[in-house]
Amino acid sequence: MKKDIHPNWHNDCSVTCACGATFTTGSIYESLTVEICSQCHPFFTGEMKFVDTQGRVDKFMKKRAQSEAKRAALAKEKASKKKEAPAPKDNKSYRQILAATKSNLNQKPDSKLDKPAA
């Protein structure tokens, strides 16, 4: 191993939980403070306890409400655009469109830009 690049290892790191429990483990720190441990976590205790330390659920619910409001506004805007859409003016058939295109192609070029280079 290279010297002076690895942190110091402490075999007697004291971990203190917010519930008051303490235990010893190995770490690069001399002491640690945690919010939840195996003695108070609902998974290990079997209690039905709600654990949300950073307001993640509230944050999610707020984002969801904003998303639903945005979706409703878009749907309303889409519906209003649908009502305002004008009906097509020309209901030409495919055959009529092709005939008009052929007649436009058969016309002689009017400007010098349309003529092929000699």
N, C-alpha and C. Protein backbone atom coordinates (compact mmCIF):
# COMPACT_ATOMS: atom_id res chain seq x y z
N MET A 1 0.84 -1.19 0.00
CA MET A 1 0.00 0.00 0.00
C MET A 1 0.88 1.24 0.00
N LYS A 2 0.36 2.28 -0.64
CA LYS A 2 1.09 3.54 -0.63
C LYS A 2 0.92 4.21 0.73
N LYS A 3 1.96 4.92 1.13
CA LYS A 3 1.92 5.60 2.43
C LYS A 3 1.30 6.98 2.27
N ASP A 4 0.68 7.46 3.35
CA ASP A 4 0.13 8.82 3.46
C ASP A 4 -1.03 9.12 2.50
N ILE A 5 -1.70 8.09 1.96
CA ILE A 5 -2.88 8.37 1.14
C ILE A 5 -4.15 7.78 1.75
N HIS A 6 -4.02 6.89 2.72
CA HIS A 6 -5.17 6.25 3.33
C HIS A 6 -5.53 6.92 4.65
N PRO A 7 -6.81 7.03 4.97
CA PRO A 7 -7.21 7.64 6.25
C PRO A 7 -6.89 6.72 7.42
N ASN A 8 -6.83 7.29 8.59
CA ASN A 8 -6.58 6.50 9.81
C ASN A 8 -7.83 5.72 10.17
N TRP A 9 -7.67 4.45 10.56
CA TRP A 9 -8.78 3.58 10.91
C TRP A 9 -8.90 3.50 12.43
N HIS A 10 -10.13 3.70 12.93
CA HIS A 10 -10.39 3.62 14.36
C HIS A 10 -11.27 2.40 14.61
N ASN A 11 -10.76 1.43 15.37
CA ASN A 11 -11.53 0.23 15.68
C ASN A 11 -12.58 0.46 16.75
N ASP A 12 -12.48 1.56 17.47
CA ASP A 12 -13.41 1.81 18.57
C ASP A 12 -14.22 3.09 18.33
N CYS A 13 -14.83 3.20 17.16
CA CYS A 13 -15.69 4.35 16.83
C CYS A 13 -16.99 4.22 17.61
N SER A 14 -17.36 5.25 18.33
CA SER A 14 -18.58 5.26 19.12
C SER A 14 -19.71 5.87 18.29
N VAL A 15 -20.78 5.08 18.07
CA VAL A 15 -21.93 5.54 17.30
C VAL A 15 -23.06 5.83 18.27
N THR A 16 -23.61 7.06 18.21
CA THR A 16 -24.70 7.46 19.09
C THR A 16 -25.92 7.77 18.23
N CYS A 17 -27.05 7.16 18.58
CA CYS A 17 -28.30 7.36 17.84
C CYS A 17 -29.13 8.43 18.52
N ALA A 18 -30.09 9.00 17.78
CA ALA A 18 -30.99 10.01 18.34
C ALA A 18 -31.90 9.41 19.41
N CYS A 19 -32.12 8.09 19.34
CA CYS A 19 -32.97 7.44 20.35
C CYS A 19 -32.22 7.21 21.65
N GLY A 20 -30.92 7.41 21.66
CA GLY A 20 -30.13 7.24 22.87
C GLY A 20 -29.26 6.00 22.88
N ALA A 21 -29.43 5.12 21.93
CA ALA A 21 -28.64 3.89 21.87
C ALA A 21 -27.22 4.21 21.42
N THR A 22 -26.25 3.49 21.96
CA THR A 22 -24.86 3.64 21.54
C THR A 22 -24.26 2.26 21.29
N PHE A 23 -23.36 2.20 20.34
CA PHE A 23 -22.62 0.97 20.07
C PHE A 23 -21.28 1.33 19.47
N THR A 24 -20.39 0.38 19.40
CA THR A 24 -19.03 0.60 18.91
C THR A 24 -18.82 -0.18 17.62
N THR A 25 -18.14 0.45 16.69
CA THR A 25 -17.84 -0.18 15.41
C THR A 25 -16.52 0.38 14.89
N GLY A 26 -16.10 -0.05 13.72
CA GLY A 26 -14.88 0.47 13.11
C GLY A 26 -15.21 1.51 12.07
N SER A 27 -14.42 2.59 12.01
CA SER A 27 -14.68 3.66 11.07
C SER A 27 -13.43 4.53 10.94
N ILE A 28 -13.45 5.42 9.98
CA ILE A 28 -12.35 6.38 9.86
C ILE A 28 -12.58 7.57 10.78
N TYR A 29 -13.78 7.64 11.38
CA TYR A 29 -14.10 8.70 12.34
C TYR A 29 -14.02 8.15 13.77
N GLU A 30 -13.73 9.02 14.71
CA GLU A 30 -13.65 8.59 16.12
C GLU A 30 -15.03 8.42 16.71
N SER A 31 -16.00 9.24 16.29
CA SER A 31 -17.36 9.11 16.79
C SER A 31 -18.35 9.55 15.70
N LEU A 32 -19.54 8.95 15.71
CA LEU A 32 -20.59 9.26 14.73
C LEU A 32 -21.89 9.50 15.46
N THR A 33 -22.75 10.34 14.90
CA THR A 33 -24.09 10.57 15.41
C THR A 33 -25.07 10.27 14.27
N VAL A 34 -26.02 9.37 14.52
CA VAL A 34 -27.00 8.99 13.49
C VAL A 34 -28.40 9.31 13.98
N GLU A 35 -29.35 9.42 13.03
CA GLU A 35 -30.72 9.74 13.38
C GLU A 35 -31.54 8.50 13.70
N ILE A 36 -31.18 7.37 13.12
CA ILE A 36 -31.96 6.16 13.31
C ILE A 36 -31.01 4.96 13.29
N CYS A 37 -31.29 3.97 14.13
CA CYS A 37 -30.43 2.80 14.22
C CYS A 37 -31.28 1.54 14.22
N SER A 38 -30.65 0.39 14.39
CA SER A 38 -31.38 -0.88 14.36
C SER A 38 -32.28 -1.07 15.57
N GLN A 39 -32.05 -0.30 16.64
CA GLN A 39 -32.89 -0.43 17.83
C GLN A 39 -34.17 0.40 17.75
N CYS A 40 -34.20 1.38 16.83
CA CYS A 40 -35.39 2.22 16.74
C CYS A 40 -36.02 2.22 15.35
N HIS A 41 -35.41 1.57 14.36
CA HIS A 41 -35.96 1.53 13.01
C HIS A 41 -37.16 0.59 12.97
N PRO A 42 -38.26 0.99 12.29
CA PRO A 42 -39.48 0.15 12.25
C PRO A 42 -39.26 -1.22 11.63
N PHE A 43 -38.33 -1.35 10.72
CA PHE A 43 -38.09 -2.65 10.10
C PHE A 43 -37.59 -3.66 11.13
N PHE A 44 -36.72 -3.23 12.01
CA PHE A 44 -36.14 -4.13 13.00
C PHE A 44 -37.01 -4.29 14.24
N THR A 45 -37.76 -3.25 14.59
CA THR A 45 -38.58 -3.31 15.80
C THR A 45 -39.96 -3.91 15.55
N GLY A 46 -40.45 -3.87 14.32
CA GLY A 46 -41.77 -4.39 13.99
C GLY A 46 -42.89 -3.43 14.31
N GLU A 47 -42.59 -2.26 14.80
CA GLU A 47 -43.59 -1.25 15.10
C GLU A 47 -44.05 -0.58 13.82
N MET A 48 -45.29 -0.10 13.82
CA MET A 48 -45.79 0.68 12.70
C MET A 48 -45.51 2.15 13.01
N LYS A 49 -44.34 2.60 12.60
CA LYS A 49 -43.92 3.96 12.90
C LYS A 49 -43.55 4.63 11.59
N PHE A 50 -43.93 5.87 11.43
CA PHE A 50 -43.65 6.62 10.21
C PHE A 50 -42.32 7.33 10.36
N VAL A 51 -41.37 7.02 9.46
CA VAL A 51 -40.04 7.61 9.52
C VAL A 51 -39.85 8.50 8.30
N ASP A 52 -39.88 9.81 8.52
CA ASP A 52 -39.67 10.77 7.44
C ASP A 52 -38.90 11.94 8.04
N THR A 53 -37.59 11.87 7.99
CA THR A 53 -36.77 12.87 8.67
C THR A 53 -36.56 14.13 7.84
N GLN A 54 -36.68 14.03 6.53
CA GLN A 54 -36.38 15.19 5.70
C GLN A 54 -37.61 15.72 4.97
N GLY A 55 -38.80 15.29 5.34
CA GLY A 55 -40.01 15.78 4.69
C GLY A 55 -40.16 15.28 3.27
N ARG A 56 -39.66 14.11 2.98
CA ARG A 56 -39.70 13.58 1.62
C ARG A 56 -41.12 13.33 1.14
N VAL A 57 -41.98 12.85 2.03
CA VAL A 57 -43.35 12.57 1.63
C VAL A 57 -44.08 13.86 1.30
N ASP A 58 -43.91 14.88 2.13
CA ASP A 58 -44.54 16.18 1.87
C ASP A 58 -44.02 16.77 0.56
N LYS A 59 -42.73 16.63 0.34
CA LYS A 59 -42.13 17.14 -0.89
C LYS A 59 -42.71 16.42 -2.11
N PHE A 60 -42.88 15.10 -2.00
CA PHE A 60 -43.45 14.31 -3.09
C PHE A 60 -44.89 14.72 -3.35
N MET A 61 -45.68 14.87 -2.28
CA MET A 61 -47.08 15.23 -2.44
C MET A 61 -47.23 16.62 -3.08
N LYS A 62 -46.33 17.54 -2.73
CA LYS A 62 -46.35 18.88 -3.31
C LYS A 62 -46.05 18.81 -4.81
N LYS A 63 -45.03 18.03 -5.19
CA LYS A 63 -44.69 17.88 -6.61
C LYS A 63 -45.84 17.23 -7.37
N ARG A 64 -46.48 16.25 -6.75
CA ARG A 64 -47.59 15.55 -7.40
C ARG A 64 -48.76 16.50 -7.64
N ALA A 65 -49.07 17.35 -6.67
CA ALA A 65 -50.16 18.32 -6.82
C ALA A 65 -49.85 19.31 -7.94
N GLN A 66 -48.60 19.75 -8.02
CA GLN A 66 -48.20 20.68 -9.09
C GLN A 66 -48.32 20.00 -10.45
N SER A 67 -47.92 18.75 -10.52
CA SER A 67 -47.99 17.99 -11.76
C SER A 67 -49.43 17.82 -12.22
N GLU A 68 -50.32 17.49 -11.29
CA GLU A 68 -51.73 17.31 -11.64
C GLU A 68 -52.35 18.62 -12.09
N ALA A 69 -51.99 19.73 -11.45
CA ALA A 69 -52.50 21.04 -11.86
C ALA A 69 -52.01 21.40 -13.26
N LYS A 70 -50.75 21.11 -13.53
CA LYS A 70 -50.19 21.39 -14.85
C LYS A 70 -50.86 20.54 -15.92
N ARG A 71 -51.09 19.26 -15.59
CA ARG A 71 -51.74 18.35 -16.53
C ARG A 71 -53.17 18.81 -16.83
N ALA A 72 -53.89 19.27 -15.81
CA ALA A 72 -55.26 19.76 -16.02
C ALA A 72 -55.27 21.01 -16.88
N ALA A 73 -54.30 21.91 -16.66
CA ALA A 73 -54.21 23.13 -17.47
C ALA A 73 -53.91 22.80 -18.92
N LEU A 74 -53.01 21.83 -19.15
CA LEU A 74 -52.70 21.43 -20.53
C LEU A 74 -53.91 20.80 -21.21
N ALA A 75 -54.65 19.98 -20.47
CA ALA A 75 -55.83 19.35 -21.04
C ALA A 75 -56.88 20.41 -21.40
N LYS A 76 -57.04 21.40 -20.54
CA LYS A 76 -58.00 22.47 -20.80
C LYS A 76 -57.57 23.28 -22.02
N GLU A 77 -56.28 23.57 -22.12
CA GLU A 77 -55.75 24.32 -23.27
C GLU A 77 -55.92 23.53 -24.56
N LYS A 78 -55.67 22.23 -24.48
CA LYS A 78 -55.82 21.37 -25.65
C LYS A 78 -57.27 21.33 -26.11
N ALA A 79 -58.19 21.26 -25.15
CA ALA A 79 -59.61 21.22 -25.49
C ALA A 79 -60.05 22.53 -26.13
N SER A 80 -59.55 23.66 -25.65
CA SER A 80 -59.92 24.95 -26.23
C SER A 80 -59.34 25.09 -27.64
N LYS A 81 -58.15 24.58 -27.86
CA LYS A 81 -57.55 24.62 -29.21
C LYS A 81 -58.34 23.75 -30.17
N LYS A 82 -58.83 22.63 -29.66
CA LYS A 82 -59.59 21.72 -30.50
C LYS A 82 -60.88 22.39 -30.97
N LYS A 83 -61.52 23.16 -30.10
CA LYS A 83 -62.75 23.85 -30.46
C LYS A 83 -62.49 24.96 -31.46
N GLU A 84 -61.35 25.65 -31.35
CA GLU A 84 -61.03 26.79 -32.19
C GLU A 84 -60.46 26.40 -33.55
N ALA A 85 -60.14 25.15 -33.75
CA ALA A 85 -59.52 24.73 -35.01
C ALA A 85 -60.50 24.92 -36.17
N PRO A 86 -60.09 25.68 -37.21
CA PRO A 86 -61.00 25.89 -38.35
C PRO A 86 -61.11 24.63 -39.20
N ALA A 87 -62.23 24.53 -39.86
CA ALA A 87 -62.44 23.40 -40.76
C ALA A 87 -61.59 23.61 -42.01
N PRO A 88 -61.12 22.54 -42.63
CA PRO A 88 -60.32 22.70 -43.85
C PRO A 88 -61.14 23.34 -44.96
N LYS A 89 -60.50 24.27 -45.71
CA LYS A 89 -61.20 25.01 -46.75
C LYS A 89 -61.43 24.16 -47.99
N ASP A 90 -60.38 23.51 -48.46
CA ASP A 90 -60.49 22.70 -49.67
C ASP A 90 -60.53 21.23 -49.31
N ASN A 91 -61.54 20.58 -49.76
CA ASN A 91 -61.63 19.14 -49.59
C ASN A 91 -61.37 18.47 -50.94
N LYS A 92 -60.14 18.64 -51.43
CA LYS A 92 -59.78 18.08 -52.73
C LYS A 92 -59.44 16.60 -52.56
N SER A 93 -59.74 15.86 -53.60
CA SER A 93 -59.38 14.45 -53.59
C SER A 93 -57.91 14.31 -53.98
N TYR A 94 -57.40 13.14 -53.79
CA TYR A 94 -56.01 12.86 -54.12
C TYR A 94 -55.78 13.03 -55.62
N ARG A 95 -56.75 12.63 -56.40
CA ARG A 95 -56.65 12.75 -57.86
C ARG A 95 -56.57 14.21 -58.28
N GLN A 96 -57.35 15.09 -57.64
CA GLN A 96 -57.32 16.51 -57.96
C GLN A 96 -55.98 17.14 -57.57
N ILE A 97 -55.45 16.74 -56.45
CA ILE A 97 -54.14 17.26 -56.01
C ILE A 97 -53.05 16.85 -56.99
N LEU A 98 -53.06 15.60 -57.45
CA LEU A 98 -52.06 15.13 -58.41
C LEU A 98 -52.19 15.87 -59.73
N ALA A 99 -53.40 16.11 -60.19
CA ALA A 99 -53.60 16.83 -61.45
C ALA A 99 -53.08 18.25 -61.34
N ALA A 100 -53.31 18.91 -60.22
CA ALA A 100 -52.81 20.27 -60.03
C ALA A 100 -51.28 20.29 -59.99
N THR A 101 -50.68 19.31 -59.36
CA THR A 101 -49.23 19.22 -59.28
C THR A 101 -48.63 18.99 -60.66
N LYS A 102 -49.24 18.10 -61.46
CA LYS A 102 -48.74 17.83 -62.81
C LYS A 102 -48.84 19.07 -63.69
N SER A 103 -49.92 19.82 -63.55
CA SER A 103 -50.06 21.02 -64.38
C SER A 103 -49.03 22.06 -63.98
N ASN A 104 -48.67 22.14 -62.70
CA ASN A 104 -47.64 23.07 -62.25
C ASN A 104 -46.26 22.65 -62.76
N LEU A 105 -46.01 21.36 -62.88
CA LEU A 105 -44.72 20.87 -63.37
C LEU A 105 -44.57 21.07 -64.87
N ASN A 106 -45.67 21.04 -65.60
CA ASN A 106 -45.62 21.17 -67.06
C ASN A 106 -45.50 22.61 -67.52
N GLN A 107 -45.66 23.59 -66.63
CA GLN A 107 -45.54 24.99 -67.00
C GLN A 107 -44.08 25.32 -67.27
N LYS A 108 -43.85 26.27 -68.17
CA LYS A 108 -42.49 26.69 -68.51
C LYS A 108 -41.95 27.57 -67.38
N PRO A 109 -40.65 27.51 -67.13
CA PRO A 109 -40.07 28.36 -66.08
C PRO A 109 -40.15 29.83 -66.48
N ASP A 110 -40.49 30.69 -65.54
CA ASP A 110 -40.67 32.12 -65.81
C ASP A 110 -39.40 32.92 -65.58
N SER A 111 -38.60 32.55 -64.64
CA SER A 111 -37.43 33.36 -64.31
C SER A 111 -36.15 32.65 -64.72
N LYS A 112 -35.06 33.39 -64.70
CA LYS A 112 -33.77 32.85 -65.06
C LYS A 112 -33.27 31.86 -64.03
N LEU A 113 -33.73 31.98 -62.79
CA LEU A 113 -33.30 31.07 -61.73
C LEU A 113 -33.87 29.67 -61.93
N ASP A 114 -35.05 29.59 -62.54
CA ASP A 114 -35.67 28.29 -62.75
C ASP A 114 -35.08 27.53 -63.93
N LYS A 115 -34.38 28.25 -64.84
CA LYS A 115 -33.82 27.59 -66.02
C LYS A 115 -32.55 26.83 -65.63
N PRO A 116 -32.35 25.68 -66.23
CA PRO A 116 -31.12 24.93 -65.97
C PRO A 116 -29.91 25.65 -66.54
N ALA A 117 -28.77 25.49 -65.91
CA ALA A 117 -27.52 26.13 -66.36
C ALA A 117 -27.04 25.48 -67.63
N ALA A 118 -26.56 26.31 -68.57
CA ALA A 118 -26.10 25.80 -69.87
C ALA A 118 -24.65 25.38 -69.81
